[in-house]
């Protein structure tokens, strides 16, 4: 029996690299695409086919999905700041092109990585399930674009393409150059502000666990639908931060910070930055919000329907991340 074939978009990012390694170790033939050609060269050295391509090029999706059984769509513009048009292009238009190509090619599965940011509404919310109502107004352009992409994926599913949407929360792990490093830079002075005393309870997700869920979702007999993915260990923000800094050996002193005042200042700076077309402000209302408000998620559907079980705990994941930092010589800030 021939090996199954998979296209992985966003393969040079944190999640994409975990997924490519997981698929290759399981005997899949992998075609990878991503923005970082240097990392693409490393993937090629490991026996993975790497294609440097622009997903917005009308002909590219068709060439990428040719001969592929499954499309794993990890690529996205993921940031709390940016122009709405850029998010629409990267997260909506690119997804539309891949979906059309996958349907035309007769792919057996399309696994789309979305985000629980679509739920966020500057208030505490616990045990959110897939069916929870979405806010009338999304918190930022990124969340709006991910919700729009999900609608496209849903329509493709109605048209006959077997689709699965995964919503992983706060991805971290080896190769992370976004979430954990942002925290490290924020605490580079040796002080870390705690909003609302750091009592907000949040979920995060180890990238390797998400890769496991994606492989489960790619099975021919796996259920289709939407699945939330987390490490299933909700923690108070201050406890999560303490464990993170301890794992990487960074000494940080927590200090209480007035959330309402900082949030108002952040919104003011954002208004000025947008009006004057300036770069991303140091403080963003969304970044402060996710540290100030509880958001936990219910992964019952992933456990019962996909058979998903998080195999790597928060502490194990942080230890792996810290080891990767040391082994690769990455700077903390």
Protein backbone atom coordinates (compact mmCIF):
# COMPACT_ATOMS: atom_id res chain seq x y z
CA UNK A 1 0.00 0.00 0.00
CA UNK A 2 1.44 3.40 -1.00
CA UNK A 3 2.09 6.09 1.58
CA UNK A 4 -0.58 8.72 2.08
CA UNK A 5 0.25 12.14 0.72
CA UNK A 6 -0.24 15.48 2.44
CA UNK A 7 0.18 19.14 1.67
CA UNK A 8 1.13 21.23 4.71
CA UNK A 9 0.81 25.00 4.34
CA UNK A 10 2.56 27.19 6.87
CA UNK A 11 5.11 24.40 7.19
CA UNK A 12 7.93 26.70 8.30
CA UNK A 13 5.99 27.96 11.33
CA UNK A 14 5.82 26.44 14.80
CA UNK A 15 2.76 24.26 14.27
CA UNK A 16 3.67 23.42 10.68
CA UNK A 17 7.08 22.11 11.66
CA UNK A 18 5.62 19.92 14.39
CA UNK A 19 3.04 18.57 11.95
CA UNK A 20 5.56 17.87 9.18
CA UNK A 21 7.75 15.94 11.62
CA UNK A 22 4.74 13.99 12.91
CA UNK A 23 3.58 13.07 9.41
CA UNK A 24 7.05 12.11 8.17
CA UNK A 25 7.60 9.91 11.23
CA UNK A 26 4.29 8.17 10.48
CA UNK A 27 5.27 7.35 6.90
CA UNK A 28 3.37 10.07 5.04
CA UNK A 29 4.80 11.63 1.90
CA UNK A 30 4.77 15.33 2.66
CA UNK A 31 4.75 18.37 0.41
CA UNK A 32 5.41 21.51 2.44
CA UNK A 33 5.10 25.19 1.69
CA UNK A 34 5.85 28.24 3.80
CA UNK A 35 7.33 31.73 3.94
CA UNK A 36 10.80 30.90 5.32
CA UNK A 37 12.95 29.42 2.57
CA UNK A 38 15.86 28.78 4.94
CA UNK A 39 13.67 26.55 7.10
CA UNK A 40 12.30 25.07 3.89
CA UNK A 41 15.84 24.01 3.05
CA UNK A 42 16.09 22.28 6.43
CA UNK A 43 12.86 20.41 5.70
CA UNK A 44 14.23 19.31 2.34
CA UNK A 45 17.36 18.01 4.07
CA UNK A 46 15.04 15.84 6.17
CA UNK A 47 13.47 14.34 3.05
CA UNK A 48 10.40 16.57 2.76
CA UNK A 49 9.41 18.14 -0.55
CA UNK A 50 9.43 21.90 -0.06
CA UNK A 51 7.78 24.32 -2.47
CA UNK A 52 8.31 28.05 -2.02
CA UNK A 53 5.05 29.56 -3.25
CA UNK A 54 2.62 32.43 -2.86
CA UNK A 55 -0.79 31.04 -1.94
CA UNK A 56 -2.42 34.14 -3.43
CA UNK A 57 -1.07 33.32 -6.87
CA UNK A 58 -4.10 31.94 -8.74
CA UNK A 59 -2.20 28.94 -10.16
CA UNK A 60 -0.29 27.96 -7.04
CA UNK A 61 -3.04 26.14 -5.05
CA UNK A 62 -3.82 23.84 -7.98
CA UNK A 63 -0.15 22.84 -8.33
CA UNK A 64 0.30 22.38 -4.60
CA UNK A 65 -2.68 20.06 -4.07
CA UNK A 66 -2.02 17.94 -7.15
CA UNK A 67 -1.61 14.33 -6.05
CA UNK A 68 -2.35 15.07 -2.40
CA UNK A 69 -4.76 13.00 -0.30
CA UNK A 70 -5.05 15.55 2.52
CA UNK A 71 -4.53 19.30 2.82
CA UNK A 72 -3.42 20.57 6.23
CA UNK A 73 -3.91 24.33 6.12
CA UNK A 74 -1.78 25.88 8.88
CA UNK A 75 -0.72 29.03 7.03
CA UNK A 76 -2.12 32.30 8.33
CA UNK A 77 -1.26 35.87 9.08
CA UNK A 78 -1.50 35.71 12.87
CA UNK A 79 -1.06 38.97 14.75
CA UNK A 80 -3.06 41.20 17.08
CA UNK A 81 -2.16 44.17 14.86
CA UNK A 82 -2.33 44.83 11.15
CA UNK A 83 -4.41 46.04 8.24
CA UNK A 84 -7.74 44.34 7.65
CA UNK A 85 -6.94 43.96 3.94
CA UNK A 86 -3.77 42.03 4.74
CA UNK A 87 -5.66 39.62 7.00
CA UNK A 88 -8.39 39.12 4.39
CA UNK A 89 -5.83 38.30 1.73
CA UNK A 90 -3.73 35.91 3.82
CA UNK A 91 -6.47 34.22 5.82
CA UNK A 92 -9.57 34.39 3.64
CA UNK A 93 -8.53 34.68 0.00
CA UNK A 94 -5.72 32.15 0.33
CA UNK A 95 -8.06 29.69 2.05
CA UNK A 96 -10.64 30.12 -0.71
CA UNK A 97 -8.07 29.27 -3.36
CA UNK A 98 -6.92 26.14 -1.54
CA UNK A 99 -10.46 24.95 -0.94
CA UNK A 100 -11.36 25.35 -4.62
CA UNK A 101 -8.22 23.49 -5.66
CA UNK A 102 -8.76 20.71 -3.12
CA UNK A 103 -12.34 20.16 -4.30
CA UNK A 104 -11.27 20.09 -7.95
CA UNK A 105 -8.46 17.64 -7.19
CA UNK A 106 -10.73 15.30 -5.22
CA UNK A 107 -8.75 15.53 -1.98
CA UNK A 108 -10.01 13.18 0.70
CA UNK A 109 -9.71 15.67 3.59
CA UNK A 110 -9.14 19.35 4.25
CA UNK A 111 -7.94 20.13 7.78
CA UNK A 112 -8.16 23.84 8.57
CA UNK A 113 -6.48 25.49 11.56
CA UNK A 114 -8.59 28.30 12.99
CA UNK A 115 -8.48 30.09 16.35
CA UNK A 116 -10.56 30.51 19.55
CA UNK A 117 -9.84 34.24 19.24
CA UNK A 118 -13.15 34.36 17.39
CA UNK A 119 -14.89 33.94 20.78
CA UNK A 120 -13.04 36.71 22.64
CA UNK A 121 -15.17 39.67 23.76
CA UNK A 122 -13.39 41.36 26.70
CA UNK A 123 -15.25 39.42 29.35
CA UNK A 124 -14.68 36.27 31.36
CA UNK A 125 -15.90 33.10 29.62
CA UNK A 126 -15.40 29.58 30.96
CA UNK A 127 -15.72 26.14 29.36
CA UNK A 128 -16.45 27.47 25.89
CA UNK A 129 -17.67 24.75 23.51
CA UNK A 130 -17.69 24.70 19.72
CA UNK A 131 -21.35 25.73 19.63
CA UNK A 132 -20.88 28.84 21.78
CA UNK A 133 -22.27 31.98 20.12
CA UNK A 134 -19.76 34.33 18.55
CA UNK A 135 -19.66 38.03 19.45
CA UNK A 136 -21.49 40.46 17.20
CA UNK A 137 -18.22 42.28 16.63
CA UNK A 138 -14.88 40.47 16.50
CA UNK A 139 -12.09 41.72 18.70
CA UNK A 140 -9.69 42.52 15.84
CA UNK A 141 -9.10 42.04 12.12
CA UNK A 142 -7.31 38.74 12.70
CA UNK A 143 -10.28 37.18 14.52
CA UNK A 144 -12.68 38.52 11.89
CA UNK A 145 -10.61 36.98 9.11
CA UNK A 146 -10.45 33.59 10.84
CA UNK A 147 -14.22 33.57 11.27
CA UNK A 148 -14.65 34.44 7.59
CA UNK A 149 -12.27 31.66 6.60
CA UNK A 150 -14.26 29.20 8.71
CA UNK A 151 -17.41 30.16 6.82
CA UNK A 152 -15.68 29.35 3.55
CA UNK A 153 -14.52 26.00 4.89
CA UNK A 154 -18.05 25.23 6.06
CA UNK A 155 -19.47 26.02 2.60
CA UNK A 156 -16.88 23.75 0.99
CA UNK A 157 -17.98 21.01 3.35
CA UNK A 158 -21.60 21.51 2.35
CA UNK A 159 -20.48 21.19 -1.27
CA UNK A 160 -18.97 17.77 -0.61
CA UNK A 161 -15.36 18.31 0.49
CA UNK A 162 -14.71 16.47 3.79
CA UNK A 163 -13.51 19.27 6.07
CA UNK A 164 -12.40 19.54 9.68
CA UNK A 165 -11.81 22.80 11.54
CA UNK A 166 -9.53 22.83 14.58
CA UNK A 167 -9.41 25.74 17.03
CA UNK A 168 -6.20 25.42 19.09
CA UNK A 169 -5.67 27.93 21.87
CA UNK A 170 -2.30 29.63 22.55
CA UNK A 171 0.12 27.37 20.65
CA UNK A 172 3.62 27.05 22.11
CA UNK A 173 6.52 24.64 21.86
CA UNK A 174 9.76 24.16 19.97
CA UNK A 175 10.08 26.54 16.99
CA UNK A 176 7.79 29.10 18.68
CA UNK A 177 8.90 32.56 17.59
CA UNK A 178 5.68 34.35 18.53
CA UNK A 179 3.83 33.58 21.78
CA UNK A 180 6.53 32.75 24.32
CA UNK A 181 9.13 35.19 22.87
CA UNK A 182 6.54 38.00 23.09
CA UNK A 183 6.19 37.25 26.81
CA UNK A 184 9.97 37.22 27.23
CA UNK A 185 10.32 40.61 25.58
CA UNK A 186 7.53 41.99 27.72
CA UNK A 187 9.40 40.90 30.85
CA UNK A 188 12.89 41.82 29.62
CA UNK A 189 13.16 44.56 32.28
CA UNK A 190 12.85 41.95 35.02
CA UNK A 191 9.30 43.01 35.86
CA UNK A 192 6.07 41.49 34.62
CA UNK A 193 2.80 43.38 35.14
CA UNK A 194 -0.13 41.38 36.43
CA UNK A 195 -3.54 42.59 35.36
CA UNK A 196 -6.43 41.95 37.74
CA UNK A 197 -3.84 40.25 40.02
CA UNK A 198 -3.18 37.59 37.38
CA UNK A 199 -6.31 35.72 38.46
CA UNK A 200 -7.67 35.22 34.94
CA UNK A 201 -7.80 31.52 34.03
CA UNK A 202 -6.61 30.57 30.55
CA UNK A 203 -5.84 27.59 28.33
CA UNK A 204 -2.81 26.99 26.12
CA UNK A 205 -1.83 24.23 23.69
CA UNK A 206 1.42 22.42 22.96
CA UNK A 207 2.10 22.38 19.21
CA UNK A 208 2.85 18.66 19.15
CA UNK A 209 -0.55 17.92 20.66
CA UNK A 210 -2.21 19.95 17.91
CA UNK A 211 -0.27 17.93 15.33
CA UNK A 212 -1.63 14.76 16.93
CA UNK A 213 -5.18 16.09 16.64
CA UNK A 214 -4.62 17.01 12.99
CA UNK A 215 -3.43 13.51 12.14
CA UNK A 216 -6.46 12.04 13.91
CA UNK A 217 -8.72 14.38 11.94
CA UNK A 218 -7.14 13.20 8.68
CA UNK A 219 -8.31 9.61 9.09
CA UNK A 220 -10.74 8.42 6.43
CA UNK A 221 -13.25 7.42 9.10
CA UNK A 222 -12.64 10.40 11.38
CA UNK A 223 -15.66 12.64 12.02
CA UNK A 224 -15.93 15.93 10.22
CA UNK A 225 -16.82 19.13 12.06
CA UNK A 226 -15.28 21.70 14.37
CA UNK A 227 -13.05 20.81 17.32
CA UNK A 228 -11.48 22.93 20.04
CA UNK A 229 -7.97 21.81 21.02
CA UNK A 230 -6.11 22.71 24.23
CA UNK A 231 -3.70 21.06 26.62
CA UNK A 232 -6.69 20.72 28.98
CA UNK A 233 -4.88 22.26 31.96
CA UNK A 234 -6.49 25.64 32.69
CA UNK A 235 -4.20 27.84 34.78
CA UNK A 236 -4.31 31.27 36.33
CA UNK A 237 -2.26 33.71 34.28
CA UNK A 238 0.21 34.32 37.10
CA UNK A 239 0.82 30.58 37.51
CA UNK A 240 1.30 30.05 33.78
CA UNK A 241 3.74 32.95 33.61
CA UNK A 242 5.65 31.74 36.65
CA UNK A 243 6.06 28.28 35.15
CA UNK A 244 7.15 29.73 31.83
CA UNK A 245 9.80 32.01 33.28
CA UNK A 246 11.04 29.26 35.58
CA UNK A 247 11.38 26.84 32.66
CA UNK A 248 13.51 29.23 30.62
CA UNK A 249 15.52 30.46 33.61
CA UNK A 250 14.38 34.07 33.45
CA UNK A 251 14.05 35.90 36.76
CA UNK A 252 10.99 38.09 36.81
CA UNK A 253 9.22 40.00 39.55
CA UNK A 254 5.46 40.34 39.23
CA UNK A 255 3.96 43.77 39.84
CA UNK A 256 0.31 44.72 40.04
CA UNK A 257 -0.86 46.88 37.14
CA UNK A 258 -4.13 48.83 36.73
CA UNK A 259 -5.94 47.13 33.85
CA UNK A 260 -8.56 49.86 33.13
CA UNK A 261 -5.89 52.57 32.89
CA UNK A 262 -3.58 50.51 30.68
CA UNK A 263 -6.42 49.37 28.44
CA UNK A 264 -7.57 52.95 27.92
CA UNK A 265 -4.02 54.04 27.12
CA UNK A 266 -3.57 51.15 24.70
CA UNK A 267 -6.75 52.04 22.81
CA UNK A 268 -5.57 55.63 22.59
CA UNK A 269 -2.18 54.63 21.19
CA UNK A 270 -3.86 52.32 18.69
CA UNK A 271 -6.10 55.14 17.48
CA UNK A 272 -3.11 57.42 16.94
CA UNK A 273 -1.06 54.66 15.27
CA UNK A 274 -3.85 53.90 12.81
CA UNK A 275 -4.48 57.56 12.05
CA UNK A 276 -0.79 58.24 11.38
CA UNK A 277 -0.05 54.85 9.82
CA UNK A 278 2.54 54.05 12.48
CA UNK A 279 4.01 50.68 13.44
CA UNK A 280 2.45 48.39 16.05
CA UNK A 281 2.21 50.08 19.48
CA UNK A 282 4.08 48.49 22.37
CA UNK A 283 0.80 47.84 24.21
CA UNK A 284 -2.34 46.55 22.51
CA UNK A 285 -5.82 46.38 23.99
CA UNK A 286 -6.24 42.79 22.79
CA UNK A 287 -2.94 41.62 24.29
CA UNK A 288 -3.90 43.17 27.62
CA UNK A 289 -7.39 41.70 27.37
CA UNK A 290 -6.27 38.10 26.94
CA UNK A 291 -4.15 38.47 30.08
CA UNK A 292 -6.91 40.16 32.08
CA UNK A 293 -9.97 38.04 31.25
CA UNK A 294 -10.55 34.34 31.76
CA UNK A 295 -11.10 32.20 28.69
CA UNK A 296 -11.18 28.43 29.08
CA UNK A 297 -12.33 25.93 26.50
CA UNK A 298 -14.08 22.58 26.55
CA UNK A 299 -12.35 19.84 24.53
CA UNK A 300 -14.96 17.15 25.19
CA UNK A 301 -15.83 16.89 21.50
CA UNK A 302 -12.19 16.36 20.51
CA UNK A 303 -11.82 13.68 23.19
CA UNK A 304 -15.02 11.78 22.50
CA UNK A 305 -15.32 12.15 18.72
CA UNK A 306 -11.70 12.40 17.54
CA UNK A 307 -10.18 10.26 20.27
CA UNK A 308 -7.81 13.11 21.12
CA UNK A 309 -5.85 13.06 24.37
CA UNK A 310 -3.15 15.68 25.09
CA UNK A 311 0.01 13.62 25.49
CA UNK A 312 2.32 16.49 26.46
CA UNK A 313 1.56 18.47 29.63
CA UNK A 314 2.22 22.17 30.15
CA UNK A 315 5.34 21.53 32.22
CA UNK A 316 6.70 18.98 29.74
CA UNK A 317 5.97 21.32 26.86
CA UNK A 318 7.71 24.23 28.58
CA UNK A 319 10.71 22.02 29.32
CA UNK A 320 10.92 21.05 25.65
CA UNK A 321 10.70 24.67 24.64
CA UNK A 322 13.44 25.65 27.09
CA UNK A 323 15.68 22.84 25.85
CA UNK A 324 15.12 23.97 22.26
CA UNK A 325 16.08 27.52 23.20
CA UNK A 326 19.32 26.31 24.74
CA UNK A 327 20.14 23.81 21.98
CA UNK A 328 19.60 26.31 19.18
CA UNK A 329 21.09 29.34 20.90
CA UNK A 330 17.94 31.43 20.58
CA UNK A 331 17.87 34.59 22.63
CA UNK A 332 15.09 35.11 25.14
CA UNK A 333 14.56 38.76 24.26
